[in-house]
Amino acid sequence: EVPPADYLFQIKSFSLLPDTKEKRYESCDFVSGGYTWKLCLYPNGDEKNNGNRHISLYLAISGANTLPLGWEVNVNFKLFVYDQVRDKYLTIQDANGRVSRFNKLKTEWGFAKLLSLDTFNDASNGYLVDDSCAFGVEVYVIKSTGRGECLSVKMVEPSNNTYTWEIKNFSKLDDGVLYSELFSIGNHKWKIIVYPKGTGSAKGKSLSVFLQLADSGTPPTKRKLSVGFTLGVKSSKVKDHCWFSAPSDNWGSSNLVSLVDLHDRSKGFIVHDTLVVEVQIDVMIDVKEFT
């Protein structure tokens, strides 16, 4: 196995540490995730946290007094003890994978009972061999990118959710495209697009009708709008729920009704050479990205 990615703390003549009368030993500072850290070792256990007769090891943030007011650093970290017999590392981390929150009131996290001294001192376990040992750490700082999105759902009031467009002299229209005037529903601007003689694969076969989102700069790349709408003519309508987002700013049907049926007087689509196109918008889901 490879050594810990961030820092390795090697100790020789471990048995002489008690002679120094120091209960706590700190490693040199190291940098990870944009912050400065150190390892704190209690070779005979951290008595204040009931770590007697154990190796206690903590990760501490350095220079806390130089960090900005109200600082907080969220971290996932692993501690390591080197097994010299089997040439591998024992890995210790929170069993539930909980995030450790470093702040002014809590500048170090770790384990008061990392290993019992009986286990650590037994040379067959490989942790203390020839009076030397090694501890390590890997630190993953969880940084917020500030990116996200806000989703809002709006039911459009029935009194203001419908637009009707009367296209007069329909029989005199060529095979081009027609646009309705701009209209507003649900705080957005819209247009209806009609191809009297069809478009694309439906050209010369069917009436094509689409609903277009016509807001200024429609729609921004960091915004999406999902709309539940009903669009069509008389008894031939399409009911759909579509996302209006760049570059898809219009939805509808290329084959709303065949041209044969459309011009059949008995069907009643065209009355007094006028075609009535109607759209009803019932619900809108607005998604805005933020950074």
Protein backbone atom coordinates (compact mmCIF):
# COMPACT_ATOMS: atom_id res chain seq x y z
CA GLU A 1 0.00 0.00 0.00
CA VAL A 2 1.11 3.57 -0.66
CA PRO A 3 1.90 5.93 2.25
CA PRO A 4 -0.71 8.47 3.40
CA ALA A 5 -1.15 11.17 0.77
CA ASP A 6 -0.82 14.24 3.00
CA TYR A 7 1.61 13.63 5.85
CA LEU A 8 3.73 10.95 7.51
CA PHE A 9 4.89 11.36 11.14
CA GLN A 10 7.80 8.99 11.93
CA ILE A 11 9.08 8.47 15.47
CA LYS A 12 12.29 6.74 16.54
CA SER A 13 13.19 5.75 20.12
CA PHE A 14 9.50 5.79 20.98
CA SER A 15 10.14 4.27 24.43
CA LEU A 16 12.14 7.34 25.46
CA LEU A 17 9.23 9.75 24.96
CA PRO A 18 7.95 9.38 28.55
CA ASP A 19 11.37 10.48 29.83
CA THR A 20 10.82 13.90 28.29
CA LYS A 21 7.84 14.46 30.62
CA GLU A 22 5.81 15.72 27.65
CA LYS A 23 2.34 14.24 27.39
CA ARG A 24 1.60 15.64 23.92
CA TYR A 25 3.77 15.80 20.81
CA GLU A 26 2.95 17.84 17.73
CA SER A 27 4.21 17.28 14.20
CA CYS A 28 5.45 20.06 11.97
CA ASP A 29 2.82 21.98 10.02
CA PHE A 30 1.70 20.73 6.62
CA VAL A 31 -0.73 22.12 4.06
CA SER A 32 -3.73 20.30 2.63
CA GLY A 33 -6.87 21.66 0.98
CA GLY A 34 -5.65 25.23 1.35
CA TYR A 35 -5.31 25.04 5.15
CA THR A 36 -2.41 24.32 7.52
CA TRP A 37 -2.58 21.27 9.80
CA LYS A 38 -0.56 19.21 12.27
CA LEU A 39 -0.81 15.84 14.00
CA CYS A 40 -1.02 15.72 17.79
CA LEU A 41 0.12 12.51 19.51
CA TYR A 42 -0.36 11.37 23.12
CA PRO A 43 1.97 8.34 23.45
CA ASN A 44 0.45 7.33 26.80
CA GLY A 45 -3.08 8.44 26.05
CA ASP A 46 -5.14 11.60 26.36
CA GLU A 47 -6.27 11.37 29.98
CA LYS A 48 -8.71 14.28 29.70
CA ASN A 49 -10.70 12.31 27.11
CA ASN A 50 -10.44 8.90 28.83
CA GLY A 51 -7.63 7.73 26.57
CA ASN A 52 -5.55 6.16 29.35
CA ARG A 53 -3.39 3.20 28.27
CA HIS A 54 -4.02 4.01 24.61
CA ILE A 55 -2.34 5.81 21.76
CA SER A 56 -4.30 9.04 21.21
CA LEU A 57 -3.96 10.83 17.88
CA TYR A 58 -5.63 14.01 16.61
CA LEU A 59 -5.68 16.21 13.54
CA ALA A 60 -5.45 19.90 14.49
CA ILE A 61 -5.76 23.03 12.38
CA SER A 62 -2.81 25.41 12.77
CA GLY A 63 -2.88 29.19 12.90
CA ALA A 64 -6.54 29.34 13.90
CA ASN A 65 -6.03 32.88 15.20
CA THR A 66 -5.07 34.04 11.69
CA LEU A 67 -8.25 32.77 10.05
CA PRO A 68 -11.14 35.20 9.36
CA LEU A 69 -13.85 35.88 11.92
CA GLY A 70 -16.48 33.12 12.00
CA TRP A 71 -14.29 30.67 10.07
CA GLU A 72 -15.32 27.06 9.67
CA VAL A 73 -13.65 24.18 7.81
CA ASN A 74 -15.50 20.93 7.08
CA VAL A 75 -13.25 17.90 6.71
CA ASN A 76 -13.25 14.18 6.09
CA PHE A 77 -9.96 12.69 7.25
CA LYS A 78 -8.24 9.36 7.81
CA LEU A 79 -5.51 8.51 10.31
CA PHE A 80 -2.95 5.79 9.62
CA VAL A 81 -0.61 3.56 11.63
CA TYR A 82 2.14 1.77 9.71
CA ASP A 83 2.34 -2.02 10.09
CA GLN A 84 6.06 -2.65 9.53
CA VAL A 85 5.71 -6.44 9.57
CA ARG A 86 3.14 -6.67 6.79
CA ASP A 87 4.16 -3.42 5.05
CA LYS A 88 0.69 -1.92 5.08
CA TYR A 89 -1.24 0.78 6.89
CA LEU A 90 -4.00 0.43 9.45
CA THR A 91 -6.63 3.05 8.52
CA ILE A 92 -8.82 4.68 11.16
CA GLN A 93 -11.73 7.00 10.41
CA ASP A 94 -15.19 7.77 11.74
CA ALA A 95 -17.32 4.65 11.32
CA ASN A 96 -20.27 6.69 10.04
CA GLY A 97 -18.18 8.84 7.71
CA ARG A 98 -19.28 11.96 9.55
CA VAL A 99 -17.83 15.31 8.60
CA SER A 100 -15.57 16.93 11.20
CA ARG A 101 -16.34 20.62 11.63
CA PHE A 102 -13.28 22.66 12.61
CA ASN A 103 -13.97 26.12 14.05
CA LYS A 104 -12.83 28.50 16.77
CA LEU A 105 -14.35 26.32 19.50
CA LYS A 106 -13.18 22.99 18.06
CA THR A 107 -9.73 23.12 16.49
CA GLU A 108 -8.87 19.42 16.59
CA TRP A 109 -10.56 16.09 15.94
CA GLY A 110 -9.34 12.53 16.29
CA PHE A 111 -9.35 9.46 18.49
CA ALA A 112 -8.54 9.28 22.19
CA LYS A 113 -8.41 5.48 21.88
CA LEU A 114 -6.72 4.96 18.54
CA LEU A 115 -4.95 1.76 19.68
CA SER A 116 -4.48 0.20 23.10
CA LEU A 117 -0.87 0.31 24.30
CA ASP A 118 -0.91 -3.48 24.68
CA THR A 119 -1.75 -3.85 20.98
CA PHE A 120 0.63 -1.10 19.92
CA ASN A 121 3.60 -2.39 21.94
CA ASP A 122 3.23 -6.00 20.75
CA ALA A 123 5.93 -6.23 18.05
CA SER A 124 4.06 -9.04 16.27
CA ASN A 125 1.39 -6.50 15.30
CA GLY A 126 4.03 -4.47 13.48
CA TYR A 127 3.17 -1.03 14.81
CA LEU A 128 6.22 -0.63 17.06
CA VAL A 129 9.32 -2.40 15.72
CA ASP A 130 12.87 -1.67 16.87
CA ASP A 131 11.38 1.12 18.97
CA SER A 132 10.20 3.03 15.88
CA CYS A 133 6.74 3.73 14.48
CA ALA A 134 4.96 5.89 11.94
CA PHE A 135 1.60 7.64 11.84
CA GLY A 136 -0.03 9.38 8.91
CA VAL A 137 -3.04 11.37 7.77
CA GLU A 138 -5.06 12.18 4.67
CA VAL A 139 -7.22 15.29 4.76
CA TYR A 140 -10.09 16.06 2.42
CA VAL A 141 -11.44 19.59 2.84
CA ILE A 142 -15.05 19.96 1.73
CA LYS A 143 -15.33 23.28 -0.05
CA SER A 144 -18.62 24.75 -1.20
CA THR A 145 -18.56 25.90 -4.82
CA GLY A 146 -21.52 28.19 -4.17
CA ARG A 147 -23.25 26.66 -7.18
CA GLY A 148 -26.81 25.41 -7.10
CA GLU A 149 -30.27 26.00 -8.41
CA CYS A 150 -33.63 27.26 -7.20
CA LEU A 151 -36.78 25.49 -8.41
CA SER A 152 -40.18 27.16 -8.06
CA VAL A 153 -43.59 25.84 -9.11
CA LYS A 154 -46.41 28.18 -10.09
CA MET A 155 -50.00 27.30 -10.94
CA VAL A 156 -51.31 29.87 -13.43
CA GLU A 157 -54.62 31.48 -12.49
CA PRO A 158 -57.44 30.28 -14.81
CA SER A 159 -58.50 33.90 -15.33
CA ASN A 160 -55.18 34.65 -17.01
CA ASN A 161 -53.90 31.39 -18.49
CA THR A 162 -55.39 31.42 -22.00
CA TYR A 163 -54.60 33.24 -25.23
CA THR A 164 -56.75 33.05 -28.38
CA TRP A 165 -55.50 34.02 -31.83
CA GLU A 166 -57.88 34.49 -34.77
CA ILE A 167 -56.17 34.10 -38.14
CA LYS A 168 -58.42 35.69 -40.78
CA ASN A 169 -58.37 35.13 -44.55
CA PHE A 170 -56.76 31.78 -43.88
CA SER A 171 -57.40 30.43 -47.38
CA LYS A 172 -55.32 33.23 -48.89
CA LEU A 173 -52.18 32.44 -46.89
CA ASP A 174 -49.11 31.03 -48.61
CA ASP A 175 -46.88 28.25 -47.31
CA GLY A 176 -44.77 30.54 -45.10
CA VAL A 177 -44.86 31.02 -41.34
CA LEU A 178 -47.09 33.19 -39.13
CA TYR A 179 -46.33 34.66 -35.70
CA SER A 180 -48.96 35.84 -33.26
CA GLU A 181 -48.56 39.10 -31.42
CA LEU A 182 -46.61 39.01 -28.18
CA PHE A 183 -48.72 38.02 -25.16
CA SER A 184 -48.05 37.46 -21.45
CA ILE A 185 -49.01 34.50 -19.28
CA GLY A 186 -47.46 33.74 -15.90
CA ASN A 187 -44.97 36.64 -15.98
CA HIS A 188 -43.46 35.37 -19.22
CA LYS A 189 -43.89 36.54 -22.81
CA TRP A 190 -44.98 34.13 -25.53
CA LYS A 191 -45.80 33.81 -29.22
CA ILE A 192 -47.69 31.19 -31.20
CA ILE A 193 -46.04 30.02 -34.42
CA VAL A 194 -48.23 28.62 -37.20
CA TYR A 195 -47.20 26.99 -40.47
CA PRO A 196 -50.49 26.96 -42.46
CA LYS A 197 -49.19 24.27 -44.82
CA GLY A 198 -46.88 22.47 -42.41
CA THR A 199 -43.14 22.38 -41.82
CA GLY A 200 -40.40 19.79 -41.97
CA SER A 201 -41.67 16.27 -42.63
CA ALA A 202 -45.25 17.57 -42.29
CA LYS A 203 -44.90 20.17 -45.05
CA GLY A 204 -47.82 19.90 -47.48
CA LYS A 205 -49.52 17.36 -45.21
CA SER A 206 -50.51 18.92 -41.89
CA LEU A 207 -51.01 22.14 -39.97
CA SER A 208 -48.00 22.81 -37.72
CA VAL A 209 -48.44 24.86 -34.52
CA PHE A 210 -45.88 25.73 -31.83
CA LEU A 211 -45.68 27.72 -28.59
CA GLN A 212 -42.57 29.90 -28.33
CA LEU A 213 -41.07 31.45 -25.19
CA ALA A 214 -40.32 35.03 -26.23
CA ASP A 215 -38.77 36.62 -23.13
CA SER A 216 -35.90 39.01 -23.83
CA GLY A 217 -32.72 36.96 -24.30
CA THR A 218 -34.80 33.78 -24.15
CA PRO A 219 -33.93 31.67 -22.39
CA PRO A 220 -30.73 32.42 -20.44
CA THR A 221 -28.29 29.51 -20.34
CA LYS A 222 -28.57 29.38 -16.53
CA ARG A 223 -32.34 29.19 -16.54
CA LYS A 224 -34.89 26.55 -17.53
CA LEU A 225 -38.65 26.78 -17.65
CA SER A 226 -40.94 23.75 -17.69
CA VAL A 227 -44.47 24.45 -18.85
CA GLY A 228 -47.66 22.40 -18.85
CA PHE A 229 -49.78 23.62 -21.74
CA THR A 230 -52.57 22.75 -24.17
CA LEU A 231 -52.19 24.10 -27.72
CA GLY A 232 -54.26 23.68 -30.85
CA VAL A 233 -57.39 24.34 -32.87
CA LYS A 234 -60.93 23.34 -31.96
CA SER A 235 -61.00 19.57 -31.22
CA SER A 236 -57.43 18.95 -32.36
CA LYS A 237 -55.07 19.96 -29.57
CA VAL A 238 -51.78 18.81 -28.12
CA LYS A 239 -51.39 18.61 -24.34
CA ASP A 240 -47.78 18.53 -23.18
CA HIS A 241 -45.27 19.41 -20.46
CA CYS A 242 -41.97 20.62 -21.93
CA TRP A 243 -38.73 22.29 -20.89
CA PHE A 244 -38.10 25.62 -22.59
CA SER A 245 -34.33 26.12 -22.44
CA ALA A 246 -31.67 27.17 -24.94
CA PRO A 247 -31.74 26.20 -27.73
CA SER A 248 -35.23 24.61 -27.43
CA ASP A 249 -37.41 27.70 -27.05
CA ASN A 250 -40.53 26.35 -28.80
CA TRP A 251 -42.65 23.23 -28.53
CA GLY A 252 -45.83 22.01 -30.17
CA SER A 253 -46.84 19.71 -33.02
CA SER A 254 -45.78 19.47 -36.66
CA ASN A 255 -48.79 17.23 -37.35
CA LEU A 256 -51.56 18.92 -35.40
CA VAL A 257 -54.27 18.17 -37.97
CA SER A 258 -54.07 17.00 -41.57
CA LEU A 259 -54.62 19.64 -44.25
CA VAL A 260 -57.42 17.51 -45.68
CA ASP A 261 -59.35 17.58 -42.39
CA LEU A 262 -58.42 21.21 -41.75
CA HIS A 263 -60.06 22.38 -44.98
CA ASP A 264 -63.05 20.01 -44.72
CA ARG A 265 -65.94 22.37 -43.91
CA SER A 266 -67.84 19.62 -42.14
CA LYS A 267 -65.03 19.41 -39.56
CA GLY A 268 -65.55 23.03 -38.56
CA PHE A 269 -61.90 24.02 -38.11
CA ILE A 270 -62.14 27.03 -40.42
CA VAL A 271 -65.24 29.20 -40.07
CA HIS A 272 -65.79 32.28 -42.25
CA ASP A 273 -62.24 31.78 -43.51
CA THR A 274 -60.94 32.23 -39.96
CA LEU A 275 -58.83 29.74 -38.02
CA VAL A 276 -58.84 30.08 -34.23
CA VAL A 277 -55.68 28.91 -32.44
CA GLU A 278 -55.68 28.74 -28.66
CA VAL A 279 -53.12 28.03 -25.96
CA GLN A 280 -53.76 27.39 -22.29
CA ILE A 281 -50.87 27.32 -19.79
CA ASP A 282 -51.68 25.67 -16.45
CA VAL A 283 -48.39 25.22 -14.60
CA MET A 284 -44.83 26.53 -14.76
CA ILE A 285 -41.70 25.14 -13.13
CA ASP A 286 -38.96 27.76 -13.13
CA VAL A 287 -35.36 26.64 -12.47
CA LYS A 288 -32.65 29.25 -11.96
CA GLU A 289 -29.00 28.35 -11.46
CA PHE A 290 -26.95 30.46 -9.08
CA THR A 291 -23.26 30.81 -8.27
